[in-house]
Full PDB file with SEQRES, HELIX, SHEET, SSBOND, CRYST1, ORIGX, SCALE, CONECT and MASTER records, all heavy atoms in Angstrom:
SEQRES   1 A   36  CYS VAL LEU ASN LEU VAL PRO ASP LYS GLN LYS ALA PHE          
SEQRES   2 A   36  SER GLU ILE ILE ARG ILE LEU LYS PRO GLY GLY HIS PHE          
SEQRES   3 A   36  CYS ILE SER ASP ILE VAL LEU LYS GLY GLU                      
HELIX    1 AA1 LEU A    3  LEU A    5  5                                   3    
HELIX    2 AA2 LYS A    9  ILE A   19  1                                  11    
CRYST1    1.000    1.000    1.000  90.00  90.00  90.00 P 1           1          
ORIGX1      1.000000  0.000000  0.000000        0.00000                         
ORIGX2      0.000000  1.000000  0.000000        0.00000                         
ORIGX3      0.000000  0.000000  1.000000        0.00000                         
SCALE1      1.000000  0.000000  0.000000        0.00000                         
SCALE2      0.000000  1.000000  0.000000        0.00000                         
SCALE3      0.000000  0.000000  1.000000        0.00000                         
ATOM      1  N   CYS A   1      38.479  -3.571  -5.874  1.00  0.00           N  
ATOM      2  CA  CYS A   1      37.596  -2.660  -6.610  1.00  0.00           C  
ATOM      3  C   CYS A   1      37.958  -2.593  -8.096  1.00  0.00           C  
ATOM      4  O   CYS A   1      37.983  -1.517  -8.686  1.00  0.00           O  
ATOM      5  CB  CYS A   1      37.615  -1.262  -5.998  1.00  0.00           C  
ATOM      6  SG  CYS A   1      36.024  -0.398  -6.134  1.00  0.00           S  
ATOM      7  N   VAL A   2      38.214  -3.758  -8.686  1.00  0.00           N  
ATOM      8  CA  VAL A   2      38.639  -3.817 -10.084  1.00  0.00           C  
ATOM      9  C   VAL A   2      37.766  -4.742 -10.924  1.00  0.00           C  
ATOM     10  O   VAL A   2      37.450  -4.430 -12.068  1.00  0.00           O  
ATOM     11  CB  VAL A   2      40.119  -4.271 -10.182  1.00  0.00           C  
ATOM     12  CG1 VAL A   2      40.536  -4.462 -11.632  1.00  0.00           C  
ATOM     13  CG2 VAL A   2      41.033  -3.257  -9.507  1.00  0.00           C  
ATOM     14  N   LEU A   3      37.353  -5.877 -10.377  1.00  0.00           N  
ATOM     15  CA  LEU A   3      36.568  -6.838 -11.160  1.00  0.00           C  
ATOM     16  C   LEU A   3      35.277  -6.220 -11.685  1.00  0.00           C  
ATOM     17  O   LEU A   3      34.795  -6.590 -12.760  1.00  0.00           O  
ATOM     18  CB  LEU A   3      36.246  -8.082 -10.332  1.00  0.00           C  
ATOM     19  CG  LEU A   3      37.232  -9.253 -10.425  1.00  0.00           C  
ATOM     20  CD1 LEU A   3      37.165  -9.932 -11.768  1.00  0.00           C  
ATOM     21  CD2 LEU A   3      38.653  -8.855 -10.084  1.00  0.00           C  
ATOM     22  N   ASN A   4      34.713  -5.264 -10.943  1.00  0.00           N  
ATOM     23  CA  ASN A   4      33.492  -4.599 -11.421  1.00  0.00           C  
ATOM     24  C   ASN A   4      33.733  -3.798 -12.690  1.00  0.00           C  
ATOM     25  O   ASN A   4      32.787  -3.459 -13.404  1.00  0.00           O  
ATOM     26  CB  ASN A   4      32.905  -3.700 -10.324  1.00  0.00           C  
ATOM     27  CG  ASN A   4      33.906  -2.685  -9.808  1.00  0.00           C  
ATOM     28  OD1 ASN A   4      34.181  -1.686 -10.466  1.00  0.00           O  
ATOM     29  ND2 ASN A   4      34.479  -2.938  -8.646  1.00  0.00           N  
ATOM     30  N   LEU A   5      34.998  -3.489 -12.988  1.00  0.00           N  
ATOM     31  CA  LEU A   5      35.334  -2.731 -14.193  1.00  0.00           C  
ATOM     32  C   LEU A   5      35.523  -3.625 -15.414  1.00  0.00           C  
ATOM     33  O   LEU A   5      35.623  -3.131 -16.529  1.00  0.00           O  
ATOM     34  CB  LEU A   5      36.622  -1.932 -13.973  1.00  0.00           C  
ATOM     35  CG  LEU A   5      36.644  -0.962 -12.789  1.00  0.00           C  
ATOM     36  CD1 LEU A   5      38.043  -0.388 -12.622  1.00  0.00           C  
ATOM     37  CD2 LEU A   5      35.626   0.140 -12.980  1.00  0.00           C  
ATOM     38  N   VAL A   6      35.592  -4.927 -15.205  1.00  0.00           N  
ATOM     39  CA  VAL A   6      35.876  -5.868 -16.290  1.00  0.00           C  
ATOM     40  C   VAL A   6      34.576  -6.257 -16.987  1.00  0.00           C  
ATOM     41  O   VAL A   6      33.648  -6.759 -16.352  1.00  0.00           O  
ATOM     42  CB  VAL A   6      36.575  -7.131 -15.740  1.00  0.00           C  
ATOM     43  CG1 VAL A   6      36.826  -8.141 -16.857  1.00  0.00           C  
ATOM     44  CG2 VAL A   6      37.874  -6.756 -15.050  1.00  0.00           C  
ATOM     45  N   PRO A   7      34.483  -6.059 -18.297  1.00  0.00           N  
ATOM     46  CA  PRO A   7      33.231  -6.384 -19.000  1.00  0.00           C  
ATOM     47  C   PRO A   7      32.834  -7.852 -18.899  1.00  0.00           C  
ATOM     48  O   PRO A   7      31.667  -8.166 -18.657  1.00  0.00           O  
ATOM     49  CB  PRO A   7      33.536  -5.987 -20.453  1.00  0.00           C  
ATOM     50  CG  PRO A   7      34.567  -4.919 -20.347  1.00  0.00           C  
ATOM     51  CD  PRO A   7      35.428  -5.342 -19.176  1.00  0.00           C  
ATOM     52  N   ASP A   8      33.784  -8.785 -19.084  1.00  0.00           N  
ATOM     53  CA  ASP A   8      33.473 -10.216 -19.062  1.00  0.00           C  
ATOM     54  C   ASP A   8      33.933 -10.810 -17.741  1.00  0.00           C  
ATOM     55  O   ASP A   8      35.055 -11.304 -17.607  1.00  0.00           O  
ATOM     56  CB  ASP A   8      34.156 -10.918 -20.236  1.00  0.00           C  
ATOM     57  CG  ASP A   8      33.679 -12.362 -20.423  1.00  0.00           C  
ATOM     58  OD1 ASP A   8      33.103 -12.921 -19.472  1.00  0.00           O  
ATOM     59  OD2 ASP A   8      33.885 -12.915 -21.521  1.00  0.00           O  
ATOM     60  N   LYS A   9      33.057 -10.753 -16.747  1.00  0.00           N  
ATOM     61  CA  LYS A   9      33.432 -11.211 -15.411  1.00  0.00           C  
ATOM     62  C   LYS A   9      33.562 -12.723 -15.347  1.00  0.00           C  
ATOM     63  O   LYS A   9      34.350 -13.255 -14.558  1.00  0.00           O  
ATOM     64  CB  LYS A   9      32.438 -10.671 -14.394  1.00  0.00           C  
ATOM     65  CG  LYS A   9      32.516  -9.142 -14.284  1.00  0.00           C  
ATOM     66  CD  LYS A   9      31.406  -8.569 -13.442  1.00  0.00           C  
ATOM     67  CE  LYS A   9      31.525  -7.045 -13.336  1.00  0.00           C  
ATOM     68  NZ  LYS A   9      31.468  -6.340 -14.645  1.00  0.00           N  
ATOM     69  N   GLN A  10      32.793 -13.443 -16.152  1.00  0.00           N  
ATOM     70  CA  GLN A  10      32.926 -14.900 -16.214  1.00  0.00           C  
ATOM     71  C   GLN A  10      34.341 -15.276 -16.660  1.00  0.00           C  
ATOM     72  O   GLN A  10      34.984 -16.148 -16.067  1.00  0.00           O  
ATOM     73  CB  GLN A  10      31.901 -15.474 -17.201  1.00  0.00           C  
ATOM     74  CG  GLN A  10      31.947 -16.994 -17.338  1.00  0.00           C  
ATOM     75  CD  GLN A  10      30.977 -17.693 -16.423  1.00  0.00           C  
ATOM     76  OE1 GLN A  10      29.974 -17.106 -16.024  1.00  0.00           O  
ATOM     77  NE2 GLN A  10      31.267 -18.935 -16.082  1.00  0.00           N  
ATOM     78  N   LYS A  11      34.825 -14.618 -17.680  1.00  0.00           N  
ATOM     79  CA  LYS A  11      36.176 -14.876 -18.162  1.00  0.00           C  
ATOM     80  C   LYS A  11      37.210 -14.492 -17.115  1.00  0.00           C  
ATOM     81  O   LYS A  11      38.218 -15.198 -16.925  1.00  0.00           O  
ATOM     82  CB  LYS A  11      36.417 -14.086 -19.466  1.00  0.00           C  
ATOM     83  CG  LYS A  11      37.810 -14.252 -20.055  1.00  0.00           C  
ATOM     84  CD  LYS A  11      38.082 -15.689 -20.447  1.00  0.00           C  
ATOM     85  CE  LYS A  11      39.420 -15.813 -21.172  1.00  0.00           C  
ATOM     86  NZ  LYS A  11      39.786 -17.234 -21.401  1.00  0.00           N  
ATOM     87  N   ALA A  12      36.982 -13.390 -16.423  1.00  0.00           N  
ATOM     88  CA  ALA A  12      37.923 -12.949 -15.393  1.00  0.00           C  
ATOM     89  C   ALA A  12      38.059 -13.994 -14.291  1.00  0.00           C  
ATOM     90  O   ALA A  12      39.178 -14.356 -13.901  1.00  0.00           O  
ATOM     91  CB  ALA A  12      37.469 -11.615 -14.805  1.00  0.00           C  
ATOM     92  N   PHE A  13      36.941 -14.496 -13.788  1.00  0.00           N  
ATOM     93  CA  PHE A  13      37.010 -15.492 -12.719  1.00  0.00           C  
ATOM     94  C   PHE A  13      37.560 -16.821 -13.231  1.00  0.00           C  
ATOM     95  O   PHE A  13      38.199 -17.567 -12.474  1.00  0.00           O  
ATOM     96  CB  PHE A  13      35.640 -15.678 -12.071  1.00  0.00           C  
ATOM     97  CG  PHE A  13      35.306 -14.614 -11.067  1.00  0.00           C  
ATOM     98  CD1 PHE A  13      34.353 -13.642 -11.343  1.00  0.00           C  
ATOM     99  CD2 PHE A  13      35.954 -14.559  -9.846  1.00  0.00           C  
ATOM    100  CE1 PHE A  13      34.051 -12.644 -10.420  1.00  0.00           C  
ATOM    101  CE2 PHE A  13      35.666 -13.575  -8.905  1.00  0.00           C  
ATOM    102  CZ  PHE A  13      34.710 -12.613  -9.203  1.00  0.00           C  
ATOM    103  N   SER A  14      37.354 -17.119 -14.511  1.00  0.00           N  
ATOM    104  CA  SER A  14      37.961 -18.314 -15.103  1.00  0.00           C  
ATOM    105  C   SER A  14      39.470 -18.187 -15.182  1.00  0.00           C  
ATOM    106  O   SER A  14      40.213 -19.149 -14.947  1.00  0.00           O  
ATOM    107  CB  SER A  14      37.387 -18.554 -16.504  1.00  0.00           C  
ATOM    108  OG  SER A  14      36.007 -18.839 -16.444  1.00  0.00           O  
ATOM    109  N   GLU A  15      39.952 -16.985 -15.512  1.00  0.00           N  
ATOM    110  CA  GLU A  15      41.381 -16.742 -15.553  1.00  0.00           C  
ATOM    111  C   GLU A  15      42.000 -16.832 -14.155  1.00  0.00           C  
ATOM    112  O   GLU A  15      43.103 -17.343 -13.983  1.00  0.00           O  
ATOM    113  CB  GLU A  15      41.669 -15.368 -16.166  1.00  0.00           C  
ATOM    114  CG  GLU A  15      41.655 -15.349 -17.671  1.00  0.00           C  
ATOM    115  CD  GLU A  15      42.860 -16.084 -18.236  1.00  0.00           C  
ATOM    116  OE1 GLU A  15      43.937 -15.483 -18.352  1.00  0.00           O  
ATOM    117  OE2 GLU A  15      42.721 -17.278 -18.540  1.00  0.00           O  
ATOM    118  N   ILE A  16      41.279 -16.349 -13.167  1.00  0.00           N  
ATOM    119  CA  ILE A  16      41.791 -16.417 -11.791  1.00  0.00           C  
ATOM    120  C   ILE A  16      41.965 -17.860 -11.350  1.00  0.00           C  
ATOM    121  O   ILE A  16      43.006 -18.231 -10.778  1.00  0.00           O  
ATOM    122  CB  ILE A  16      40.864 -15.647 -10.833  1.00  0.00           C  
ATOM    123  CG1 ILE A  16      40.922 -14.145 -11.123  1.00  0.00           C  
ATOM    124  CG2 ILE A  16      41.257 -15.914  -9.375  1.00  0.00           C  
ATOM    125  CD1 ILE A  16      39.860 -13.335 -10.405  1.00  0.00           C  
ATOM    126  N   ILE A  17      40.958 -18.695 -11.636  1.00  0.00           N  
ATOM    127  CA  ILE A  17      41.067 -20.101 -11.209  1.00  0.00           C  
ATOM    128  C   ILE A  17      42.175 -20.817 -11.982  1.00  0.00           C  
ATOM    129  O   ILE A  17      42.827 -21.729 -11.471  1.00  0.00           O  
ATOM    130  CB  ILE A  17      39.711 -20.824 -11.355  1.00  0.00           C  
ATOM    131  CG1 ILE A  17      39.639 -22.007 -10.379  1.00  0.00           C  
ATOM    132  CG2 ILE A  17      39.442 -21.277 -12.784  1.00  0.00           C  
ATOM    133  CD1 ILE A  17      38.265 -22.630 -10.251  1.00  0.00           C  
ATOM    134  N   ARG A  18      42.434 -20.370 -13.209  1.00  0.00           N  
ATOM    135  CA  ARG A  18      43.511 -20.965 -14.012  1.00  0.00           C  
ATOM    136  C   ARG A  18      44.879 -20.699 -13.391  1.00  0.00           C  
ATOM    137  O   ARG A  18      45.732 -21.603 -13.345  1.00  0.00           O  
ATOM    138  CB  ARG A  18      43.471 -20.398 -15.433  1.00  0.00           C  
ATOM    139  CG  ARG A  18      44.601 -20.924 -16.328  1.00  0.00           C  
ATOM    140  CD  ARG A  18      44.612 -20.284 -17.691  1.00  0.00           C  
ATOM    141  NE  ARG A  18      44.939 -18.856 -17.670  1.00  0.00           N  
ATOM    142  CZ  ARG A  18      46.175 -18.375 -17.547  1.00  0.00           C  
ATOM    143  NH1 ARG A  18      47.212 -19.193 -17.391  1.00  0.00           N  
ATOM    144  NH2 ARG A  18      46.390 -17.068 -17.545  1.00  0.00           N  
ATOM    145  N   ILE A  19      45.112 -19.481 -12.924  1.00  0.00           N  
ATOM    146  CA  ILE A  19      46.455 -19.146 -12.412  1.00  0.00           C  
ATOM    147  C   ILE A  19      46.645 -19.543 -10.954  1.00  0.00           C  
ATOM    148  O   ILE A  19      47.774 -19.527 -10.451  1.00  0.00           O  
ATOM    149  CB  ILE A  19      46.783 -17.649 -12.593  1.00  0.00           C  
ATOM    150  CG1 ILE A  19      45.922 -16.769 -11.684  1.00  0.00           C  
ATOM    151  CG2 ILE A  19      46.675 -17.249 -14.054  1.00  0.00           C  
ATOM    152  CD1 ILE A  19      46.433 -15.332 -11.566  1.00  0.00           C  
ATOM    153  N   LEU A  20      45.561 -19.912 -10.269  1.00  0.00           N  
ATOM    154  CA  LEU A  20      45.692 -20.366  -8.886  1.00  0.00           C  
ATOM    155  C   LEU A  20      46.246 -21.793  -8.841  1.00  0.00           C  
ATOM    156  O   LEU A  20      45.882 -22.647  -9.648  1.00  0.00           O  
ATOM    157  CB  LEU A  20      44.341 -20.337  -8.172  1.00  0.00           C  
ATOM    158  CG  LEU A  20      43.873 -19.001  -7.604  1.00  0.00           C  
ATOM    159  CD1 LEU A  20      42.416 -19.098  -7.153  1.00  0.00           C  
ATOM    160  CD2 LEU A  20      44.766 -18.550  -6.449  1.00  0.00           C  
ATOM    161  N   LYS A  21      47.108 -22.040  -7.868  1.00  0.00           N  
ATOM    162  CA  LYS A  21      47.568 -23.399  -7.627  1.00  0.00           C  
ATOM    163  C   LYS A  21      46.427 -24.237  -7.047  1.00  0.00           C  
ATOM    164  O   LYS A  21      45.493 -23.690  -6.440  1.00  0.00           O  
ATOM    165  CB  LYS A  21      48.735 -23.380  -6.633  1.00  0.00           C  
ATOM    166  CG  LYS A  21      49.974 -22.665  -7.111  1.00  0.00           C  
ATOM    167  CD  LYS A  21      51.028 -22.628  -6.008  1.00  0.00           C  
ATOM    168  CE  LYS A  21      52.264 -21.851  -6.453  1.00  0.00           C  
ATOM    169  NZ  LYS A  21      53.284 -21.775  -5.364  1.00  0.00           N  
ATOM    170  N   PRO A  22      46.476 -25.554  -7.204  1.00  0.00           N  
ATOM    171  CA  PRO A  22      45.486 -26.408  -6.531  1.00  0.00           C  
ATOM    172  C   PRO A  22      45.488 -26.116  -5.030  1.00  0.00           C  
ATOM    173  O   PRO A  22      46.543 -26.072  -4.399  1.00  0.00           O  
ATOM    174  CB  PRO A  22      45.992 -27.821  -6.835  1.00  0.00           C  
ATOM    175  CG  PRO A  22      46.751 -27.684  -8.118  1.00  0.00           C  
ATOM    176  CD  PRO A  22      47.411 -26.334  -8.045  1.00  0.00           C  
ATOM    177  N   GLY A  23      44.317 -25.887  -4.483  1.00  0.00           N  
ATOM    178  CA  GLY A  23      44.209 -25.541  -3.068  1.00  0.00           C  
ATOM    179  C   GLY A  23      44.380 -24.065  -2.779  1.00  0.00           C  
ATOM    180  O   GLY A  23      44.257 -23.641  -1.627  1.00  0.00           O  
ATOM    181  N   GLY A  24      44.654 -23.275  -3.824  1.00  0.00           N  
ATOM    182  CA  GLY A  24      44.779 -21.836  -3.640  1.00  0.00           C  
ATOM    183  C   GLY A  24      43.423 -21.163  -3.504  1.00  0.00           C  
ATOM    184  O   GLY A  24      42.368 -21.808  -3.610  1.00  0.00           O  
ATOM    185  N   HIS A  25      43.447 -19.868  -3.279  1.00  0.00           N  
ATOM    186  CA  HIS A  25      42.177 -19.158  -3.109  1.00  0.00           C  
ATOM    187  C   HIS A  25      42.338 -17.703  -3.532  1.00  0.00           C  
ATOM    188  O   HIS A  25      43.453 -17.201  -3.687  1.00  0.00           O  
ATOM    189  CB  HIS A  25      41.691 -19.220  -1.661  1.00  0.00           C  
ATOM    190  CG  HIS A  25      42.621 -18.569  -0.670  1.00  0.00           C  
ATOM    191  ND1 HIS A  25      43.681 -19.220  -0.101  1.00  0.00           N  
ATOM    192  CD2 HIS A  25      42.647 -17.306  -0.143  1.00  0.00           C  
ATOM    193  CE1 HIS A  25      44.316 -18.401   0.732  1.00  0.00           C  
ATOM    194  NE2 HIS A  25      43.714 -17.230   0.719  1.00  0.00           N  
ATOM    195  N   PHE A  26      41.201 -17.046  -3.747  1.00  0.00           N  
ATOM    196  CA  PHE A  26      41.231 -15.612  -4.000  1.00  0.00           C  
ATOM    197  C   PHE A  26      40.561 -14.869  -2.855  1.00  0.00           C  
ATOM    198  O   PHE A  26      39.749 -15.425  -2.113  1.00  0.00           O  
ATOM    199  CB  PHE A  26      40.588 -15.242  -5.349  1.00  0.00           C  
ATOM    200  CG  PHE A  26      39.089 -15.333  -5.427  1.00  0.00           C  
ATOM    201  CD1 PHE A  26      38.269 -14.483  -4.700  1.00  0.00           C  
ATOM    202  CD2 PHE A  26      38.476 -16.252  -6.276  1.00  0.00           C  
ATOM    203  CE1 PHE A  26      36.881 -14.537  -4.784  1.00  0.00           C  
ATOM    204  CE2 PHE A  26      37.098 -16.322  -6.373  1.00  0.00           C  
ATOM    205  CZ  PHE A  26      36.291 -15.459  -5.620  1.00  0.00           C  
ATOM    206  N   CYS A  27      40.909 -13.601  -2.716  1.00  0.00           N  
ATOM    207  CA  CYS A  27      40.241 -12.684  -1.793  1.00  0.00           C  
ATOM    208  C   CYS A  27      40.065 -11.369  -2.535  1.00  0.00           C  
ATOM    209  O   CYS A  27      41.044 -10.678  -2.831  1.00  0.00           O  
ATOM    210  CB  CYS A  27      41.059 -12.487  -0.517  1.00  0.00           C  
ATOM    211  SG  CYS A  27      40.222 -11.435   0.705  1.00  0.00           S  
ATOM    212  N   ILE A  28      38.825 -11.039  -2.842  1.00  0.00           N  
ATOM    213  CA  ILE A  28      38.525  -9.905  -3.709  1.00  0.00           C  
ATOM    214  C   ILE A  28      37.558  -8.947  -3.025  1.00  0.00           C  
ATOM    215  O   ILE A  28      36.496  -9.360  -2.539  1.00  0.00           O  
ATOM    216  CB  ILE A  28      37.921 -10.394  -5.046  1.00  0.00           C  
ATOM    217  CG1 ILE A  28      38.976 -11.149  -5.851  1.00  0.00           C  
ATOM    218  CG2 ILE A  28      37.366  -9.228  -5.855  1.00  0.00           C  
ATOM    219  CD1 ILE A  28      38.440 -11.822  -7.092  1.00  0.00           C  
ATOM    220  N   SER A  29      37.947  -7.675  -2.983  1.00  0.00           N  
ATOM    221  CA  SER A  29      37.018  -6.622  -2.562  1.00  0.00           C  
ATOM    222  C   SER A  29      36.427  -6.003  -3.825  1.00  0.00           C  
ATOM    223  O   SER A  29      37.163  -5.708  -4.773  1.00  0.00           O  
ATOM    224  CB  SER A  29      37.743  -5.562  -1.734  1.00  0.00           C  
ATOM    225  OG  SER A  29      38.210  -6.096  -0.514  1.00  0.00           O  
ATOM    226  N   ASP A  30      35.121  -5.809  -3.829  1.00  0.00           N  
ATOM    227  CA  ASP A  30      34.472  -5.356  -5.049  1.00  0.00           C  
ATOM    228  C   ASP A  30      33.165  -4.653  -4.717  1.00  0.00           C  
ATOM    229  O   ASP A  30      32.714  -4.645  -3.571  1.00  0.00           O  
ATOM    230  CB  ASP A  30      34.194  -6.552  -5.968  1.00  0.00           C  
ATOM    231  CG  ASP A  30      34.380  -6.219  -7.435  1.00  0.00           C  
ATOM    232  OD1 ASP A  30      34.433  -5.024  -7.778  1.00  0.00           O  
ATOM    233  OD2 ASP A  30      34.476  -7.163  -8.247  1.00  0.00           O  
ATOM    234  N   ILE A  31      32.570  -4.059  -5.752  1.00  0.00           N  
ATOM    235  CA  ILE A  31      31.290  -3.374  -5.617  1.00  0.00           C  
ATOM    236  C   ILE A  31      30.190  -4.216  -6.250  1.00  0.00           C  
ATOM    237  O   ILE A  31      30.337  -4.705  -7.373  1.00  0.00           O  
ATOM    238  CB  ILE A  31      31.326  -1.986  -6.306  1.00  0.00           C  
ATOM    239  CG1 ILE A  31      32.367  -1.095  -5.639  1.00  0.00           C  
ATOM    240  CG2 ILE A  31      29.954  -1.319  -6.277  1.00  0.00           C  
ATOM    241  CD1 ILE A  31      32.099  -0.780  -4.187  1.00  0.00           C  
ATOM    242  N   VAL A  32      29.100  -4.410  -5.506  1.00  0.00           N  
ATOM    243  CA  VAL A  32      27.930  -5.121  -6.033  1.00  0.00           C  
ATOM    244  C   VAL A  32      26.682  -4.299  -5.736  1.00  0.00           C  
ATOM    245  O   VAL A  32      26.703  -3.365  -4.921  1.00  0.00           O  
ATOM    246  CB  VAL A  32      27.790  -6.531  -5.426  1.00  0.00           C  
ATOM    247  CG1 VAL A  32      28.954  -7.417  -5.833  1.00  0.00           C  
ATOM    248  CG2 VAL A  32      27.660  -6.458  -3.905  1.00  0.00           C  
ATOM    249  N   LEU A  33      25.602  -4.670  -6.409  1.00  0.00           N  
ATOM    250  CA  LEU A  33      24.342  -3.940  -6.274  1.00  0.00           C  
ATOM    251  C   LEU A  33      23.256  -4.828  -5.681  1.00  0.00           C  
ATOM    252  O   LEU A  33      23.308  -6.055  -5.794  1.00  0.00           O  
ATOM    253  CB  LEU A  33      23.871  -3.456  -7.655  1.00  0.00           C  
ATOM    254  CG  LEU A  33      24.877  -2.721  -8.536  1.00  0.00           C  
ATOM    255  CD1 LEU A  33      24.235  -2.390  -9.879  1.00  0.00           C  
ATOM    256  CD2 LEU A  33      25.376  -1.463  -7.851  1.00  0.00           C  
ATOM    257  N   LYS A  34      22.294  -4.182  -5.072  1.00  0.00           N  
ATOM    258  CA  LYS A  34      21.044  -4.830  -4.677  1.00  0.00           C  
ATOM    259  C   LYS A  34      19.922  -3.910  -5.135  1.00  0.00           C  
ATOM    260  O   LYS A  34      19.832  -2.771  -4.680  1.00  0.00           O  
ATOM    261  CB  LYS A  34      20.990  -5.051  -3.166  1.00  0.00           C  
ATOM    262  CG  LYS A  34      21.998  -6.066  -2.649  1.00  0.00           C  
ATOM    263  CD  LYS A  34      21.863  -6.272  -1.146  1.00  0.00           C  
ATOM    264  CE  LYS A  34      22.893  -7.268  -0.641  1.00  0.00           C  
ATOM    265  NZ  LYS A  34      22.790  -7.495   0.833  1.00  0.00           N  
ATOM    266  N   GLY A  35      19.106  -4.391  -6.063  1.00  0.00           N  
ATOM    267  CA  GLY A  35      18.078  -3.543  -6.644  1.00  0.00           C  
ATOM    268  C   GLY A  35      18.528  -2.988  -7.981  1.00  0.00           C  
ATOM    269  O   GLY A  35      19.698  -3.109  -8.366  1.00  0.00           O  
ATOM    270  N   GLU A  36      17.608  -2.352  -8.696  1.00  0.00           N  
ATOM    271  CA  GLU A  36      17.878  -1.896 -10.053  1.00  0.00           C  
ATOM    272  C   GLU A  36      18.499  -0.507 -10.102  1.00  0.00           C  
ATOM    273  O   GLU A  36      18.029   0.419  -9.444  1.00  0.00           O  
ATOM    274  CB  GLU A  36      16.586  -1.906 -10.871  1.00  0.00           C  
ATOM    275  CG  GLU A  36      16.161  -3.295 -11.322  1.00  0.00           C  
ATOM    276  CD  GLU A  36      17.233  -4.001 -12.123  1.00  0.00           C  
ATOM    277  OE1 GLU A  36      17.798  -3.374 -13.051  1.00  0.00           O  
ATOM    278  OE2 GLU A  36      17.522  -5.166 -11.828  1.00  0.00           O  
TER     279      GLU A  36                                                      
MASTER        0    0    0    2    0    0    0    6  278    1    0    3          
END                                                                             
């Protein structure tokens, strides 16, 4: 429940893939919307 607080989510996910080892993975719980 943190990535939704980050203004630049593209940069956040880019940083995550940078620090992951080859073959690594993420598991993220977060809040998303459906509808306006």
